[in-house]
Amino acid sequence: MLEELYQEIILDHYRRPRNRGTTSPVDLHAKESNPLCGDELEVTAKIVDGKIAEVKFDGHGCSISLASASIMTGRLVGKTLSEALNYIENFQKMMRGDVPFGGKELGDLKALEGVLKFPVRVKCATLAWHTAQRGITATFEKPPA
């Protein structure tokens, strides 16, 4: 029963993705692909007062990669870049099985735990997160204007 609920959450985010498109302005940008399956995602974000005010994704991919991107965008809004990096790193640890998934506090993110049963799909679930991580890291490395 719970597994069916999680599958429905993933399908809902795939069919009706949240935060799809490009932010304006684009203060953070990264694009990544998974050559093994053809998924390509671009992540943009608007930064206001050192926090992620808006984050969006665009591109194409399987249901897991697009659902994960949709879920991720909602989880990163309001975080500082450092907080977002920590959140991303924790998610990646969960997807590697290094730390257990949390509970209800994860919200829709909990639905991605089922992907662990299919190791080949973990890259699909983490593509958007790696992309956002790369964009945040590049933003940290930018010289001050």
N, C-alpha and C. Protein backbone atom coordinates (compact mmCIF):
# COMPACT_ATOMS: atom_id res chain seq x y z
N MET A 1 0.83 -1.20 0.00
CA MET A 1 0.00 0.00 0.00
C MET A 1 0.87 1.26 0.00
N LEU A 2 1.88 1.31 0.89
CA LEU A 2 2.76 2.46 0.97
C LEU A 2 3.57 2.63 -0.30
N GLU A 3 4.03 1.50 -0.87
CA GLU A 3 4.79 1.54 -2.10
C GLU A 3 3.95 2.12 -3.24
N GLU A 4 2.68 1.77 -3.30
CA GLU A 4 1.78 2.32 -4.32
C GLU A 4 1.61 3.83 -4.15
N LEU A 5 1.52 4.28 -2.91
CA LEU A 5 1.41 5.71 -2.63
C LEU A 5 2.65 6.44 -3.15
N TYR A 6 3.83 5.88 -2.88
CA TYR A 6 5.07 6.52 -3.33
C TYR A 6 5.15 6.54 -4.86
N GLN A 7 4.70 5.47 -5.50
CA GLN A 7 4.68 5.45 -6.96
C GLN A 7 3.75 6.54 -7.49
N GLU A 8 2.61 6.74 -6.83
CA GLU A 8 1.67 7.79 -7.23
C GLU A 8 2.28 9.19 -7.06
N ILE A 9 3.04 9.38 -5.99
CA ILE A 9 3.70 10.67 -5.77
C ILE A 9 4.69 10.94 -6.90
N ILE A 10 5.48 9.94 -7.26
CA ILE A 10 6.45 10.11 -8.35
C ILE A 10 5.72 10.41 -9.66
N LEU A 11 4.66 9.67 -9.94
CA LEU A 11 3.90 9.91 -11.18
C LEU A 11 3.25 11.29 -11.18
N ASP A 12 2.77 11.74 -10.03
CA ASP A 12 2.16 13.07 -9.95
C ASP A 12 3.19 14.15 -10.27
N HIS A 13 4.38 14.05 -9.70
CA HIS A 13 5.43 15.04 -9.98
C HIS A 13 5.90 14.96 -11.43
N TYR A 14 5.87 13.77 -12.00
CA TYR A 14 6.27 13.60 -13.41
C TYR A 14 5.22 14.22 -14.34
N ARG A 15 3.96 13.94 -14.07
CA ARG A 15 2.88 14.44 -14.93
C ARG A 15 2.61 15.92 -14.74
N ARG A 16 2.78 16.41 -13.52
CA ARG A 16 2.53 17.82 -13.19
C ARG A 16 3.73 18.38 -12.42
N PRO A 17 4.85 18.51 -13.14
CA PRO A 17 6.06 18.96 -12.45
C PRO A 17 5.90 20.37 -11.87
N ARG A 18 6.45 20.54 -10.69
CA ARG A 18 6.46 21.84 -10.04
C ARG A 18 7.73 22.57 -10.46
N ASN A 19 7.62 23.87 -10.62
CA ASN A 19 8.78 24.73 -10.87
C ASN A 19 9.56 24.36 -12.14
N ARG A 20 8.84 24.06 -13.19
CA ARG A 20 9.49 23.76 -14.46
C ARG A 20 9.66 25.06 -15.22
N GLY A 21 10.81 25.25 -15.81
CA GLY A 21 11.10 26.45 -16.59
C GLY A 21 12.45 27.02 -16.20
N THR A 22 12.59 28.32 -16.34
CA THR A 22 13.83 29.02 -16.04
C THR A 22 13.53 30.23 -15.18
N THR A 23 14.34 30.46 -14.17
CA THR A 23 14.13 31.62 -13.31
C THR A 23 14.55 32.90 -14.03
N SER A 24 14.04 34.00 -13.52
CA SER A 24 14.46 35.31 -14.02
C SER A 24 14.58 36.24 -12.84
N PRO A 25 15.76 36.72 -12.56
CA PRO A 25 17.02 36.49 -13.26
C PRO A 25 17.59 35.10 -12.95
N VAL A 26 18.62 34.75 -13.69
CA VAL A 26 19.33 33.49 -13.48
C VAL A 26 20.61 33.83 -12.71
N ASP A 27 20.59 33.59 -11.42
CA ASP A 27 21.77 33.84 -10.59
C ASP A 27 22.62 32.59 -10.42
N LEU A 28 22.02 31.45 -10.68
CA LEU A 28 22.69 30.16 -10.55
C LEU A 28 22.24 29.32 -11.73
N HIS A 29 23.19 28.67 -12.39
CA HIS A 29 22.85 27.88 -13.56
C HIS A 29 23.78 26.68 -13.67
N ALA A 30 23.22 25.55 -14.03
CA ALA A 30 24.01 24.35 -14.33
C ALA A 30 23.19 23.43 -15.22
N LYS A 31 23.89 22.69 -16.04
CA LYS A 31 23.24 21.74 -16.94
C LYS A 31 24.03 20.44 -16.88
N GLU A 32 23.33 19.34 -16.76
CA GLU A 32 23.95 18.02 -16.68
C GLU A 32 23.15 17.02 -17.51
N SER A 33 23.81 15.93 -17.85
CA SER A 33 23.11 14.86 -18.54
C SER A 33 23.58 13.51 -18.01
N ASN A 34 22.76 12.52 -18.25
CA ASN A 34 23.10 11.14 -17.94
C ASN A 34 23.18 10.43 -19.28
N PRO A 35 24.38 10.27 -19.82
CA PRO A 35 24.52 9.68 -21.16
C PRO A 35 24.03 8.24 -21.25
N LEU A 36 23.94 7.54 -20.12
CA LEU A 36 23.49 6.15 -20.15
C LEU A 36 22.02 6.03 -20.52
N CYS A 37 21.22 7.04 -20.15
CA CYS A 37 19.79 6.94 -20.45
C CYS A 37 19.27 8.13 -21.26
N GLY A 38 20.08 9.16 -21.45
CA GLY A 38 19.66 10.29 -22.27
C GLY A 38 18.97 11.43 -21.52
N ASP A 39 18.85 11.30 -20.20
CA ASP A 39 18.24 12.39 -19.42
C ASP A 39 19.14 13.62 -19.47
N GLU A 40 18.53 14.79 -19.65
CA GLU A 40 19.25 16.07 -19.65
C GLU A 40 18.45 17.07 -18.83
N LEU A 41 19.10 17.67 -17.84
CA LEU A 41 18.41 18.63 -16.99
C LEU A 41 19.24 19.90 -16.84
N GLU A 42 18.53 21.00 -16.73
CA GLU A 42 19.13 22.30 -16.47
C GLU A 42 18.45 22.86 -15.22
N VAL A 43 19.24 23.38 -14.31
CA VAL A 43 18.72 23.96 -13.07
C VAL A 43 19.13 25.41 -13.02
N THR A 44 18.16 26.29 -12.73
CA THR A 44 18.44 27.71 -12.54
C THR A 44 17.85 28.15 -11.21
N ALA A 45 18.42 29.20 -10.66
CA ALA A 45 17.89 29.71 -9.40
C ALA A 45 18.08 31.21 -9.33
N LYS A 46 17.17 31.83 -8.60
CA LYS A 46 17.23 33.26 -8.29
C LYS A 46 17.62 33.35 -6.81
N ILE A 47 18.68 34.11 -6.54
CA ILE A 47 19.19 34.26 -5.18
C ILE A 47 18.85 35.67 -4.69
N VAL A 48 18.22 35.76 -3.52
CA VAL A 48 17.88 37.04 -2.91
C VAL A 48 18.36 37.01 -1.46
N ASP A 49 19.16 37.99 -1.10
CA ASP A 49 19.69 38.10 0.27
C ASP A 49 20.38 36.81 0.73
N GLY A 50 21.13 36.21 -0.19
CA GLY A 50 21.90 35.01 0.15
C GLY A 50 21.10 33.72 0.24
N LYS A 51 19.81 33.79 -0.10
CA LYS A 51 18.96 32.59 -0.04
C LYS A 51 18.37 32.29 -1.42
N ILE A 52 18.04 31.04 -1.61
CA ILE A 52 17.40 30.63 -2.86
C ILE A 52 15.94 31.07 -2.80
N ALA A 53 15.61 32.07 -3.58
CA ALA A 53 14.25 32.60 -3.60
C ALA A 53 13.37 31.80 -4.55
N GLU A 54 13.99 31.27 -5.58
CA GLU A 54 13.26 30.49 -6.58
C GLU A 54 14.25 29.55 -7.26
N VAL A 55 13.82 28.34 -7.53
CA VAL A 55 14.65 27.38 -8.27
C VAL A 55 13.74 26.64 -9.24
N LYS A 56 14.23 26.49 -10.46
CA LYS A 56 13.45 25.81 -11.50
C LYS A 56 14.35 24.83 -12.25
N PHE A 57 13.71 23.92 -12.94
CA PHE A 57 14.44 22.98 -13.77
C PHE A 57 13.77 22.91 -15.13
N ASP A 58 14.55 22.49 -16.11
CA ASP A 58 14.00 22.24 -17.44
C ASP A 58 14.81 21.11 -18.04
N GLY A 59 14.27 20.53 -19.09
CA GLY A 59 14.95 19.45 -19.77
C GLY A 59 14.02 18.28 -20.01
N HIS A 60 14.62 17.13 -20.26
CA HIS A 60 13.82 15.94 -20.52
C HIS A 60 14.48 14.74 -19.86
N GLY A 61 13.64 13.77 -19.56
CA GLY A 61 14.15 12.57 -18.93
C GLY A 61 13.03 11.63 -18.54
N CYS A 62 13.42 10.60 -17.83
CA CYS A 62 12.45 9.59 -17.39
C CYS A 62 11.61 10.13 -16.24
N SER A 63 10.61 9.37 -15.87
CA SER A 63 9.71 9.81 -14.80
C SER A 63 10.45 10.03 -13.49
N ILE A 64 11.43 9.22 -13.19
CA ILE A 64 12.15 9.37 -11.92
C ILE A 64 13.00 10.63 -11.91
N SER A 65 13.72 10.91 -12.99
CA SER A 65 14.58 12.10 -12.99
C SER A 65 13.75 13.38 -12.96
N LEU A 66 12.64 13.41 -13.69
CA LEU A 66 11.82 14.62 -13.69
C LEU A 66 11.06 14.79 -12.38
N ALA A 67 10.57 13.70 -11.81
CA ALA A 67 9.89 13.79 -10.52
C ALA A 67 10.86 14.23 -9.43
N SER A 68 12.06 13.70 -9.46
CA SER A 68 13.06 14.08 -8.47
C SER A 68 13.41 15.56 -8.60
N ALA A 69 13.53 16.05 -9.82
CA ALA A 69 13.81 17.47 -10.05
C ALA A 69 12.67 18.32 -9.51
N SER A 70 11.45 17.90 -9.75
CA SER A 70 10.28 18.63 -9.27
C SER A 70 10.27 18.68 -7.74
N ILE A 71 10.55 17.56 -7.11
CA ILE A 71 10.57 17.50 -5.65
C ILE A 71 11.71 18.36 -5.11
N MET A 72 12.88 18.26 -5.75
CA MET A 72 14.05 19.02 -5.30
C MET A 72 13.79 20.52 -5.29
N THR A 73 13.15 21.03 -6.32
CA THR A 73 12.95 22.47 -6.41
C THR A 73 12.17 23.00 -5.21
N GLY A 74 11.20 22.23 -4.77
CA GLY A 74 10.43 22.65 -3.60
C GLY A 74 11.21 22.58 -2.30
N ARG A 75 12.17 21.69 -2.23
CA ARG A 75 12.93 21.49 -1.00
C ARG A 75 14.05 22.52 -0.81
N LEU A 76 14.53 23.13 -1.90
CA LEU A 76 15.68 24.03 -1.79
C LEU A 76 15.30 25.49 -1.58
N VAL A 77 14.07 25.86 -1.91
CA VAL A 77 13.64 27.25 -1.76
C VAL A 77 13.74 27.68 -0.30
N GLY A 78 14.29 28.87 -0.08
CA GLY A 78 14.41 29.43 1.26
C GLY A 78 15.72 29.09 1.96
N LYS A 79 16.51 28.19 1.37
CA LYS A 79 17.77 27.81 1.99
C LYS A 79 18.90 28.71 1.49
N THR A 80 19.91 28.93 2.35
CA THR A 80 21.13 29.58 1.90
C THR A 80 21.84 28.59 0.98
N LEU A 81 22.84 29.05 0.25
CA LEU A 81 23.57 28.14 -0.62
C LEU A 81 24.26 27.05 0.19
N SER A 82 24.79 27.40 1.35
CA SER A 82 25.43 26.40 2.22
C SER A 82 24.42 25.38 2.72
N GLU A 83 23.26 25.86 3.14
CA GLU A 83 22.21 24.93 3.60
C GLU A 83 21.76 24.02 2.46
N ALA A 84 21.63 24.58 1.27
CA ALA A 84 21.22 23.79 0.11
C ALA A 84 22.26 22.71 -0.20
N LEU A 85 23.54 23.07 -0.15
CA LEU A 85 24.59 22.08 -0.39
C LEU A 85 24.52 20.96 0.64
N ASN A 86 24.33 21.31 1.90
CA ASN A 86 24.21 20.28 2.95
C ASN A 86 23.01 19.39 2.70
N TYR A 87 21.88 19.98 2.32
CA TYR A 87 20.67 19.22 2.06
C TYR A 87 20.90 18.25 0.90
N ILE A 88 21.53 18.76 -0.16
CA ILE A 88 21.82 17.93 -1.33
C ILE A 88 22.74 16.78 -0.95
N GLU A 89 23.78 17.08 -0.19
CA GLU A 89 24.72 16.03 0.22
C GLU A 89 24.02 14.97 1.08
N ASN A 90 23.12 15.38 1.95
CA ASN A 90 22.38 14.41 2.76
C ASN A 90 21.49 13.54 1.90
N PHE A 91 20.82 14.14 0.91
CA PHE A 91 19.99 13.36 0.00
C PHE A 91 20.85 12.35 -0.76
N GLN A 92 21.99 12.79 -1.25
CA GLN A 92 22.87 11.88 -1.98
C GLN A 92 23.34 10.73 -1.09
N LYS A 93 23.61 11.01 0.17
CA LYS A 93 24.00 9.94 1.11
C LYS A 93 22.86 8.94 1.26
N MET A 94 21.62 9.43 1.35
CA MET A 94 20.47 8.53 1.44
C MET A 94 20.36 7.67 0.19
N MET A 95 20.60 8.29 -0.98
CA MET A 95 20.47 7.55 -2.24
C MET A 95 21.61 6.56 -2.44
N ARG A 96 22.71 6.75 -1.76
CA ARG A 96 23.81 5.77 -1.80
C ARG A 96 23.63 4.69 -0.75
N GLY A 97 22.68 4.90 0.15
CA GLY A 97 22.47 3.95 1.24
C GLY A 97 23.43 4.17 2.40
N ASP A 98 24.14 5.31 2.40
CA ASP A 98 25.10 5.61 3.48
C ASP A 98 24.39 6.00 4.78
N VAL A 99 23.23 6.62 4.65
CA VAL A 99 22.42 6.96 5.83
C VAL A 99 20.98 6.57 5.52
N PRO A 100 20.21 6.21 6.53
CA PRO A 100 18.82 5.81 6.27
C PRO A 100 17.96 7.01 5.88
N PHE A 101 16.95 6.73 5.11
CA PHE A 101 15.97 7.76 4.77
C PHE A 101 15.24 8.16 6.04
N GLY A 102 14.84 9.40 6.11
CA GLY A 102 14.05 9.87 7.23
C GLY A 102 12.61 9.42 7.08
N GLY A 103 11.74 10.08 7.81
CA GLY A 103 10.33 9.72 7.81
C GLY A 103 9.47 10.78 7.16
N LYS A 104 8.35 11.08 7.80
CA LYS A 104 7.36 12.00 7.25
C LYS A 104 7.92 13.41 7.01
N GLU A 105 8.95 13.78 7.77
CA GLU A 105 9.51 15.12 7.61
C GLU A 105 10.09 15.35 6.21
N LEU A 106 10.35 14.28 5.48
CA LEU A 106 10.86 14.40 4.12
C LEU A 106 9.78 14.74 3.10
N GLY A 107 8.53 14.57 3.48
CA GLY A 107 7.44 14.85 2.55
C GLY A 107 7.54 13.97 1.32
N ASP A 108 7.31 14.56 0.15
CA ASP A 108 7.33 13.80 -1.11
C ASP A 108 8.70 13.19 -1.41
N LEU A 109 9.75 13.75 -0.85
CA LEU A 109 11.10 13.23 -1.07
C LEU A 109 11.21 11.77 -0.63
N LYS A 110 10.43 11.39 0.36
CA LYS A 110 10.43 10.02 0.88
C LYS A 110 10.08 9.02 -0.22
N ALA A 111 9.30 9.44 -1.20
CA ALA A 111 8.89 8.55 -2.29
C ALA A 111 10.08 8.03 -3.09
N LEU A 112 11.18 8.77 -3.09
CA LEU A 112 12.34 8.35 -3.88
C LEU A 112 13.13 7.23 -3.21
N GLU A 113 12.81 6.91 -1.97
CA GLU A 113 13.49 5.81 -1.28
C GLU A 113 13.34 4.49 -2.04
N GLY A 114 12.20 4.31 -2.68
CA GLY A 114 11.95 3.08 -3.43
C GLY A 114 12.91 2.86 -4.58
N VAL A 115 13.53 3.93 -5.05
CA VAL A 115 14.49 3.82 -6.16
C VAL A 115 15.71 3.00 -5.73
N LEU A 116 15.99 2.96 -4.45
CA LEU A 116 17.15 2.19 -3.97
C LEU A 116 17.06 0.71 -4.34
N LYS A 117 15.84 0.22 -4.58
CA LYS A 117 15.66 -1.17 -4.98
C LYS A 117 16.16 -1.42 -6.40
N PHE A 118 16.39 -0.33 -7.15
CA PHE A 118 16.81 -0.41 -8.55
C PHE A 118 18.07 0.43 -8.73
N PRO A 119 19.23 -0.10 -8.37
CA PRO A 119 20.47 0.68 -8.37
C PRO A 119 20.76 1.43 -9.67
N VAL A 120 20.36 0.86 -10.78
CA VAL A 120 20.62 1.52 -12.06
C VAL A 120 19.83 2.83 -12.19
N ARG A 121 18.76 2.97 -11.42
CA ARG A 121 17.91 4.18 -11.50
C ARG A 121 18.32 5.27 -10.51
N VAL A 122 19.27 4.97 -9.63
CA VAL A 122 19.72 5.97 -8.65
C VAL A 122 20.27 7.20 -9.37
N LYS A 123 20.99 6.99 -10.47
CA LYS A 123 21.52 8.14 -11.22
C LYS A 123 20.39 9.01 -11.75
N CYS A 124 19.27 8.40 -12.10
CA CYS A 124 18.11 9.17 -12.55
C CYS A 124 17.59 10.06 -11.42
N ALA A 125 17.50 9.47 -10.24
CA ALA A 125 16.94 10.19 -9.09
C ALA A 125 17.87 11.29 -8.59
N THR A 126 19.16 11.16 -8.84
CA THR A 126 20.12 12.15 -8.32
C THR A 126 20.60 13.16 -9.35
N LEU A 127 20.20 13.01 -10.61
CA LEU A 127 20.69 13.91 -11.66
C LEU A 127 20.41 15.38 -11.34
N ALA A 128 19.20 15.73 -11.00
CA ALA A 128 18.87 17.13 -10.70
C ALA A 128 19.66 17.62 -9.50
N TRP A 129 19.85 16.78 -8.53
CA TRP A 129 20.57 17.15 -7.31
C TRP A 129 22.04 17.41 -7.60
N HIS A 130 22.65 16.57 -8.44
CA HIS A 130 24.04 16.80 -8.85
C HIS A 130 24.14 18.10 -9.65
N THR A 131 23.13 18.33 -10.48
CA THR A 131 23.13 19.54 -11.30
C THR A 131 23.04 20.79 -10.41
N ALA A 132 22.14 20.78 -9.45
CA ALA A 132 22.01 21.91 -8.53
C ALA A 132 23.30 22.08 -7.72
N GLN A 133 23.88 20.99 -7.28
CA GLN A 133 25.13 21.04 -6.53
C GLN A 133 26.23 21.71 -7.35
N ARG A 134 26.33 21.33 -8.61
CA ARG A 134 27.33 21.93 -9.49
C ARG A 134 27.09 23.42 -9.66
N GLY A 135 25.82 23.81 -9.82
CA GLY A 135 25.49 25.23 -9.96
C GLY A 135 25.82 26.03 -8.71
N ILE A 136 25.53 25.46 -7.55
CA ILE A 136 25.83 26.15 -6.29
C ILE A 136 27.34 26.28 -6.11
N THR A 137 28.06 25.21 -6.37
CA THR A 137 29.52 25.24 -6.24
C THR A 137 30.12 26.28 -7.17
N ALA A 138 29.63 26.35 -8.40
CA ALA A 138 30.12 27.35 -9.35
C ALA A 138 29.80 28.76 -8.88
N THR A 139 28.65 28.95 -8.25
CA THR A 139 28.26 30.26 -7.74
C THR A 139 29.21 30.69 -6.62
N PHE A 140 29.60 29.75 -5.76
CA PHE A 140 30.56 30.04 -4.68
C PHE A 140 31.91 30.45 -5.25
N GLU A 141 32.25 29.88 -6.41
CA GLU A 141 33.57 30.14 -7.00
C GLU A 141 33.62 31.42 -7.82
N LYS A 142 32.47 32.04 -8.09
CA LYS A 142 32.44 33.28 -8.88
C LYS A 142 33.13 34.40 -8.12
N PRO A 143 33.97 35.18 -8.82
CA PRO A 143 34.56 36.35 -8.15
C PRO A 143 33.49 37.40 -7.90
N PRO A 144 33.63 38.17 -6.82
CA PRO A 144 32.63 39.22 -6.53
C PRO A 144 32.55 40.22 -7.66
N ALA A 145 31.36 40.74 -7.90
CA ALA A 145 31.15 41.70 -8.99
C ALA A 145 31.65 43.07 -8.61
